[in-house]
Amino acid sequence: MPRYLTEQDIADFRAELCRVATERFARFGYEGVTMRQLAEALGCSPKTPYRYFKDKADILATVRAEAFARFADALEAAAAEGEGPLDRARCVGDAYLRFADEHPHAYRIMFEIDHPIGDEHPDLLRESRRAHSFVTQQAEDMVKAGLIDADPLLFGLSMWAATHGLVMLKRAGMLDHGPDIGKLAGYHGALMFKGALVPPKKKGGKK
């Protein structure tokens, strides 16, 4: 007679399946992972994962949504520690680099998996948008505070692109003999901030 599965049993299996899937997707990409391989890694029947998820795409969407949620939570917590828009932006940047370093598999499945994010997976769409909007929110806050004169979306996305680029360079070993990634990020951020400073006349001086 089959053992009755409690809600905790189901939650534990889903969590372990997501953990294994995150690691496999990060290492081999979406196309390099099969449901059978996931079942083998978990030591269960090939049909078992289908009792918990519709298909491989459903698993990927679930683990990506979880990754984006953890990422956004980390950025929000860091921002709460900052004093003023500029300090919050610095705290968020530090948290971004720290998350990428401490959670490499989560970072890879968020940004290195070539798989669409659409309405068919609302949790993933919501969490990815939350992370996206929070990264660019720092630029919007600096504009509102009169610290920079720039399109906040372009400024925020440019900062994001530069930070992501540094993460990828570090992963490729291209920064092994160069400056610390945090120092490089701070240098680039200072240059962008300096280039976008509000001219004195826009702060209330005579034109």
C-alpha atoms as a PDB file:
ATOM      1  CA  MET A   1       0.000   0.000   0.000  1.00  0.00           C
ATOM      2  CA  PRO A   2       1.559   3.342  -1.035  1.00  0.00           C
ATOM      3  CA  ARG A   3       2.528   5.736   1.745  1.00  0.00           C
ATOM      4  CA  TYR A   4       0.265   8.741   2.192  1.00  0.00           C
ATOM      5  CA  LEU A   5       2.097  11.965   1.348  1.00  0.00           C
ATOM      6  CA  THR A   6       1.639  14.806   3.774  1.00  0.00           C
ATOM      7  CA  GLU A   7       1.719  18.453   2.726  1.00  0.00           C
ATOM      8  CA  GLN A   8       5.216  18.633   4.208  1.00  0.00           C
ATOM      9  CA  ASP A   9       6.320  15.620   2.133  1.00  0.00           C
ATOM     10  CA  ILE A  10       5.076  17.344  -1.012  1.00  0.00           C
ATOM     11  CA  ALA A  11       6.718  20.640  -0.091  1.00  0.00           C
ATOM     12  CA  ASP A  12      10.018  18.907   0.695  1.00  0.00           C
ATOM     13  CA  PHE A  13      10.058  17.034  -2.610  1.00  0.00           C
ATOM     14  CA  ARG A  14       9.203  20.159  -4.594  1.00  0.00           C
ATOM     15  CA  ALA A  15      11.960  22.058  -2.812  1.00  0.00           C
ATOM     16  CA  GLU A  16      14.533  19.364  -3.515  1.00  0.00           C
ATOM     17  CA  LEU A  17      13.435  19.102  -7.142  1.00  0.00           C
ATOM     18  CA  CYS A  18      13.778  22.879  -7.510  1.00  0.00           C
ATOM     19  CA  ARG A  19      17.227  22.803  -5.902  1.00  0.00           C
ATOM     20  CA  VAL A  20      18.448  20.107  -8.282  1.00  0.00           C
ATOM     21  CA  ALA A  21      16.801  21.786 -11.278  1.00  0.00           C
ATOM     22  CA  THR A  22      18.376  25.157 -10.477  1.00  0.00           C
ATOM     23  CA  GLU A  23      21.837  23.602 -10.396  1.00  0.00           C
ATOM     24  CA  ARG A  24      21.274  21.600 -13.603  1.00  0.00           C
ATOM     25  CA  PHE A  25      19.773  24.500 -15.570  1.00  0.00           C
ATOM     26  CA  ALA A  26      22.642  26.750 -14.467  1.00  0.00           C
ATOM     27  CA  ARG A  27      25.251  24.220 -15.589  1.00  0.00           C
ATOM     28  CA  PHE A  28      23.704  22.845 -18.772  1.00  0.00           C
ATOM     29  CA  GLY A  29      21.087  25.365 -19.902  1.00  0.00           C
ATOM     30  CA  TYR A  30      17.446  24.682 -20.653  1.00  0.00           C
ATOM     31  CA  GLU A  31      18.028  22.382 -23.601  1.00  0.00           C
ATOM     32  CA  GLY A  32      20.702  20.407 -21.757  1.00  0.00           C
ATOM     33  CA  VAL A  33      18.334  19.182 -19.046  1.00  0.00           C
ATOM     34  CA  THR A  34      15.610  16.532 -19.317  1.00  0.00           C
ATOM     35  CA  MET A  35      12.881  15.457 -16.930  1.00  0.00           C
ATOM     36  CA  ARG A  36      14.404  11.960 -16.865  1.00  0.00           C
ATOM     37  CA  GLN A  37      17.748  13.376 -15.740  1.00  0.00           C
ATOM     38  CA  LEU A  38      16.077  15.302 -12.959  1.00  0.00           C
ATOM     39  CA  ALA A  39      14.276  12.149 -11.826  1.00  0.00           C
ATOM     40  CA  GLU A  40      17.534  10.184 -11.848  1.00  0.00           C
ATOM     41  CA  ALA A  41      19.251  12.843  -9.762  1.00  0.00           C
ATOM     42  CA  LEU A  42      16.414  12.619  -7.245  1.00  0.00           C
ATOM     43  CA  GLY A  43      16.362   8.806  -7.290  1.00  0.00           C
ATOM     44  CA  CYS A  44      12.724   8.587  -8.280  1.00  0.00           C
ATOM     45  CA  SER A  45      10.605   7.334 -11.170  1.00  0.00           C
ATOM     46  CA  PRO A  46      10.756   9.375 -14.410  1.00  0.00           C
ATOM     47  CA  LYS A  47       7.038  10.040 -13.988  1.00  0.00           C
ATOM     48  CA  THR A  48       7.290  11.398 -10.439  1.00  0.00           C
ATOM     49  CA  PRO A  49       8.289  15.012 -11.325  1.00  0.00           C
ATOM     50  CA  TYR A  50       5.148  15.275 -13.467  1.00  0.00           C
ATOM     51  CA  ARG A  51       3.048  14.863 -10.329  1.00  0.00           C
ATOM     52  CA  TYR A  52       4.417  18.170  -9.079  1.00  0.00           C
ATOM     53  CA  PHE A  53       5.021  20.181 -12.250  1.00  0.00           C
ATOM     54  CA  LYS A  54       3.373  20.290 -15.665  1.00  0.00           C
ATOM     55  CA  ASP A  55       6.623  19.964 -17.610  1.00  0.00           C
ATOM     56  CA  LYS A  56      10.237  21.141 -17.801  1.00  0.00           C
ATOM     57  CA  ALA A  57       9.205  24.677 -18.738  1.00  0.00           C
ATOM     58  CA  ASP A  58       7.019  24.826 -15.633  1.00  0.00           C
ATOM     59  CA  ILE A  59       9.960  23.791 -13.447  1.00  0.00           C
ATOM     60  CA  LEU A  60      12.231  26.376 -15.043  1.00  0.00           C
ATOM     61  CA  ALA A  61       9.631  29.122 -14.573  1.00  0.00           C
ATOM     62  CA  THR A  62       9.211  28.165 -10.918  1.00  0.00           C
ATOM     63  CA  VAL A  63      12.920  28.184 -10.065  1.00  0.00           C
ATOM     64  CA  ARG A  64      13.504  31.406 -11.996  1.00  0.00           C
ATOM     65  CA  ALA A  65      10.616  33.094 -10.181  1.00  0.00           C
ATOM     66  CA  GLU A  66      12.119  31.977  -6.861  1.00  0.00           C
ATOM     67  CA  ALA A  67      15.532  33.299  -7.903  1.00  0.00           C
ATOM     68  CA  PHE A  68      14.153  36.682  -8.968  1.00  0.00           C
ATOM     69  CA  ALA A  69      12.177  36.925  -5.708  1.00  0.00           C
ATOM     70  CA  ARG A  70      15.291  36.270  -3.607  1.00  0.00           C
ATOM     71  CA  PHE A  71      17.244  38.743  -5.733  1.00  0.00           C
ATOM     72  CA  ALA A  72      14.643  41.490  -5.355  1.00  0.00           C
ATOM     73  CA  ASP A  73      14.351  40.807  -1.618  1.00  0.00           C
ATOM     74  CA  ALA A  74      18.128  41.195  -1.235  1.00  0.00           C
ATOM     75  CA  LEU A  75      18.141  44.503  -3.112  1.00  0.00           C
ATOM     76  CA  GLU A  76      15.189  45.867  -1.133  1.00  0.00           C
ATOM     77  CA  ALA A  77      16.794  44.901   2.176  1.00  0.00           C
ATOM     78  CA  ALA A  78      20.016  46.633   1.140  1.00  0.00           C
ATOM     79  CA  ALA A  79      18.184  49.801   0.097  1.00  0.00           C
ATOM     80  CA  ALA A  80      16.481  49.969   3.478  1.00  0.00           C
ATOM     81  CA  GLU A  81      19.915  50.352   5.071  1.00  0.00           C
ATOM     82  CA  GLY A  82      20.875  53.357   2.954  1.00  0.00           C
ATOM     83  CA  GLU A  83      20.539  56.989   4.023  1.00  0.00           C
ATOM     84  CA  GLY A  84      19.357  59.046   1.067  1.00  0.00           C
ATOM     85  CA  PRO A  85      19.154  58.182  -2.654  1.00  0.00           C
ATOM     86  CA  LEU A  86      22.905  58.113  -3.314  1.00  0.00           C
ATOM     87  CA  ASP A  87      23.715  55.877  -0.353  1.00  0.00           C
ATOM     88  CA  ARG A  88      20.785  53.591  -1.211  1.00  0.00           C
ATOM     89  CA  ALA A  89      22.119  53.214  -4.742  1.00  0.00           C
ATOM     90  CA  ARG A  90      25.528  52.258  -3.355  1.00  0.00           C
ATOM     91  CA  CYS A  91      23.991  49.722  -0.967  1.00  0.00           C
ATOM     92  CA  VAL A  92      21.923  48.193  -3.769  1.00  0.00           C
ATOM     93  CA  GLY A  93      24.982  47.930  -6.001  1.00  0.00           C
ATOM     94  CA  ASP A  94      26.929  46.155  -3.270  1.00  0.00           C
ATOM     95  CA  ALA A  95      24.017  43.777  -2.654  1.00  0.00           C
ATOM     96  CA  TYR A  96      23.796  43.022  -6.377  1.00  0.00           C
ATOM     97  CA  LEU A  97      27.442  41.956  -6.530  1.00  0.00           C
ATOM     98  CA  ARG A  98      27.133  39.990  -3.308  1.00  0.00           C
ATOM     99  CA  PHE A  99      24.065  38.087  -4.556  1.00  0.00           C
ATOM    100  CA  ALA A 100      25.792  37.193  -7.838  1.00  0.00           C
ATOM    101  CA  ASP A 101      28.805  35.912  -5.899  1.00  0.00           C
ATOM    102  CA  GLU A 102      26.904  33.979  -3.241  1.00  0.00           C
ATOM    103  CA  HIS A 103      24.166  32.547  -5.482  1.00  0.00           C
ATOM    104  CA  PRO A 104      25.829  31.820  -8.843  1.00  0.00           C
ATOM    105  CA  HIS A 105      23.273  29.237  -9.966  1.00  0.00           C
ATOM    106  CA  ALA A 106      20.344  31.529  -9.231  1.00  0.00           C
ATOM    107  CA  TYR A 107      22.070  34.378 -11.056  1.00  0.00           C
ATOM    108  CA  ARG A 108      22.710  32.219 -14.121  1.00  0.00           C
ATOM    109  CA  ILE A 109      19.143  30.998 -14.461  1.00  0.00           C
ATOM    110  CA  MET A 110      17.853  34.558 -14.105  1.00  0.00           C
ATOM    111  CA  PHE A 111      20.075  36.159 -16.732  1.00  0.00           C
ATOM    112  CA  GLU A 112      21.773  33.465 -18.814  1.00  0.00           C
ATOM    113  CA  ILE A 113      18.870  31.207 -19.759  1.00  0.00           C
ATOM    114  CA  ASP A 114      17.507  32.004 -23.214  1.00  0.00           C
ATOM    115  CA  HIS A 115      13.863  31.261 -22.500  1.00  0.00           C
ATOM    116  CA  PRO A 116      10.978  33.729 -22.798  1.00  0.00           C
ATOM    117  CA  ILE A 117       9.258  35.262 -19.771  1.00  0.00           C
ATOM    118  CA  GLY A 118       5.580  35.635 -20.609  1.00  0.00           C
ATOM    119  CA  ASP A 119       2.037  35.754 -19.276  1.00  0.00           C
ATOM    120  CA  GLU A 120       1.813  31.969 -19.113  1.00  0.00           C
ATOM    121  CA  HIS A 121       3.942  32.051 -15.945  1.00  0.00           C
ATOM    122  CA  PRO A 122       2.534  34.962 -13.879  1.00  0.00           C
ATOM    123  CA  ASP A 123       4.766  34.378 -10.832  1.00  0.00           C
ATOM    124  CA  LEU A 124       7.905  34.590 -12.953  1.00  0.00           C
ATOM    125  CA  LEU A 125       6.639  37.654 -14.801  1.00  0.00           C
ATOM    126  CA  ARG A 126       5.764  39.419 -11.543  1.00  0.00           C
ATOM    127  CA  GLU A 127       9.069  38.690  -9.789  1.00  0.00           C
ATOM    128  CA  SER A 128      11.236  39.505 -12.798  1.00  0.00           C
ATOM    129  CA  ARG A 129       9.435  42.841 -13.160  1.00  0.00           C
ATOM    130  CA  ARG A 130       9.881  43.524  -9.447  1.00  0.00           C
ATOM    131  CA  ALA A 131      13.636  42.983  -9.703  1.00  0.00           C
ATOM    132  CA  HIS A 132      13.835  45.033 -12.905  1.00  0.00           C
ATOM    133  CA  SER A 133      11.875  47.972 -11.501  1.00  0.00           C
ATOM    134  CA  PHE A 134      13.810  48.005  -8.256  1.00  0.00           C
ATOM    135  CA  VAL A 135      17.181  48.208  -9.986  1.00  0.00           C
ATOM    136  CA  THR A 136      16.085  51.233 -12.011  1.00  0.00           C
ATOM    137  CA  GLN A 137      14.206  52.775  -9.048  1.00  0.00           C
ATOM    138  CA  GLN A 138      17.492  53.989  -7.612  1.00  0.00           C
ATOM    139  CA  ALA A 139      18.055  56.233 -10.634  1.00  0.00           C
ATOM    140  CA  GLU A 140      14.489  57.572 -10.406  1.00  0.00           C
ATOM    141  CA  ASP A 141      15.045  58.493  -6.749  1.00  0.00           C
ATOM    142  CA  MET A 142      18.260  60.376  -7.581  1.00  0.00           C
ATOM    143  CA  VAL A 143      16.494  62.328 -10.315  1.00  0.00           C
ATOM    144  CA  LYS A 144      13.600  63.217  -7.994  1.00  0.00           C
ATOM    145  CA  ALA A 145      16.092  64.386  -5.361  1.00  0.00           C
ATOM    146  CA  GLY A 146      17.715  66.674  -7.920  1.00  0.00           C
ATOM    147  CA  LEU A 147      21.051  64.866  -7.739  1.00  0.00           C
ATOM    148  CA  ILE A 148      21.327  63.933 -11.413  1.00  0.00           C
ATOM    149  CA  ASP A 149      19.972  65.274 -14.678  1.00  0.00           C
ATOM    150  CA  ALA A 150      19.332  62.161 -16.746  1.00  0.00           C
ATOM    151  CA  ASP A 151      16.662  59.900 -18.120  1.00  0.00           C
ATOM    152  CA  PRO A 152      16.202  57.606 -15.088  1.00  0.00           C
ATOM    153  CA  LEU A 153      15.366  54.568 -17.190  1.00  0.00           C
ATOM    154  CA  LEU A 154      18.439  54.958 -19.396  1.00  0.00           C
ATOM    155  CA  PHE A 155      20.666  55.764 -16.435  1.00  0.00           C
ATOM    156  CA  GLY A 156      19.353  52.845 -14.386  1.00  0.00           C
ATOM    157  CA  LEU A 157      19.619  50.333 -17.210  1.00  0.00           C
ATOM    158  CA  SER A 158      23.123  51.560 -18.033  1.00  0.00           C
ATOM    159  CA  MET A 159      24.191  50.983 -14.437  1.00  0.00           C
ATOM    160  CA  TRP A 160      22.573  47.547 -14.525  1.00  0.00           C
ATOM    161  CA  ALA A 161      24.307  46.642 -17.792  1.00  0.00           C
ATOM    162  CA  ALA A 162      27.685  47.714 -16.422  1.00  0.00           C
ATOM    163  CA  THR A 163      27.220  45.776 -13.186  1.00  0.00           C
ATOM    164  CA  HIS A 164      26.112  42.654 -15.044  1.00  0.00           C
ATOM    165  CA  GLY A 165      29.098  43.017 -17.350  1.00  0.00           C
ATOM    166  CA  LEU A 166      31.457  43.083 -14.381  1.00  0.00           C
ATOM    167  CA  VAL A 167      29.832  39.946 -12.971  1.00  0.00           C
ATOM    168  CA  MET A 168      30.306  38.143 -16.282  1.00  0.00           C
ATOM    169  CA  LEU A 169      33.930  39.293 -16.608  1.00  0.00           C
ATOM    170  CA  LYS A 170      34.654  37.977 -13.133  1.00  0.00           C
ATOM    171  CA  ARG A 171      32.997  34.656 -13.968  1.00  0.00           C
ATOM    172  CA  ALA A 172      35.167  34.357 -17.074  1.00  0.00           C
ATOM    173  CA  GLY A 173      38.302  34.929 -15.010  1.00  0.00           C
ATOM    174  CA  MET A 174      39.035  38.194 -16.790  1.00  0.00           C
ATOM    175  CA  LEU A 175      39.364  40.130 -13.527  1.00  0.00           C
ATOM    176  CA  ASP A 176      41.667  37.700 -11.743  1.00  0.00           C
ATOM    177  CA  HIS A 177      44.682  39.947 -12.138  1.00  0.00           C
ATOM    178  CA  GLY A 178      42.885  43.280 -12.108  1.00  0.00           C
ATOM    179  CA  PRO A 179      41.212  45.519  -9.537  1.00  0.00           C
ATOM    180  CA  ASP A 180      38.596  44.148  -7.158  1.00  0.00           C
ATOM    181  CA  ILE A 181      35.123  43.961  -8.762  1.00  0.00           C
ATOM    182  CA  GLY A 182      33.674  46.178  -6.039  1.00  0.00           C
ATOM    183  CA  LYS A 183      36.301  48.822  -6.717  1.00  0.00           C
ATOM    184  CA  LEU A 184      35.573  48.688 -10.447  1.00  0.00           C
ATOM    185  CA  ALA A 185      31.840  48.994  -9.845  1.00  0.00           C
ATOM    186  CA  GLY A 186      32.373  51.977  -7.571  1.00  0.00           C
ATOM    187  CA  TYR A 187      34.643  53.645 -10.125  1.00  0.00           C
ATOM    188  CA  HIS A 188      32.124  53.207 -12.936  1.00  0.00           C
ATOM    189  CA  GLY A 189      29.261  54.383 -10.756  1.00  0.00           C
ATOM    190  CA  ALA A 190      31.181  57.520  -9.770  1.00  0.00           C
ATOM    191  CA  LEU A 191      31.913  58.310 -13.411  1.00  0.00           C
ATOM    192  CA  MET A 192      28.271  57.927 -14.396  1.00  0.00           C
ATOM    193  CA  PHE A 193      27.102  60.008 -11.451  1.00  0.00           C
ATOM    194  CA  LYS A 194      29.622  62.753 -12.251  1.00  0.00           C
ATOM    195  CA  GLY A 195      28.544  62.806 -15.882  1.00  0.00           C
ATOM    196  CA  ALA A 196      24.883  63.133 -14.915  1.00  0.00           C
ATOM    197  CA  LEU A 197      25.256  65.759 -12.178  1.00  0.00           C
ATOM    198  CA  VAL A 198      22.717  68.559 -12.321  1.00  0.00           C
ATOM    199  CA  PRO A 199      24.422  71.713 -13.656  1.00  0.00           C
ATOM    200  CA  PRO A 200      24.678  74.511 -11.040  1.00  0.00           C
ATOM    201  CA  LYS A 201      22.175  76.730 -12.900  1.00  0.00           C
ATOM    202  CA  LYS A 202      19.526  74.010 -12.557  1.00  0.00           C
ATOM    203  CA  LYS A 203      19.970  74.002  -8.792  1.00  0.00           C
ATOM    204  CA  GLY A 204      18.628  77.544  -8.521  1.00  0.00           C
ATOM    205  CA  GLY A 205      21.594  79.606  -9.704  1.00  0.00           C
ATOM    206  CA  LYS A 206      21.376  82.378 -12.281  1.00  0.00           C
ATOM    207  CA  LYS A 207      21.133  81.304 -15.901  1.00  0.00           C
END
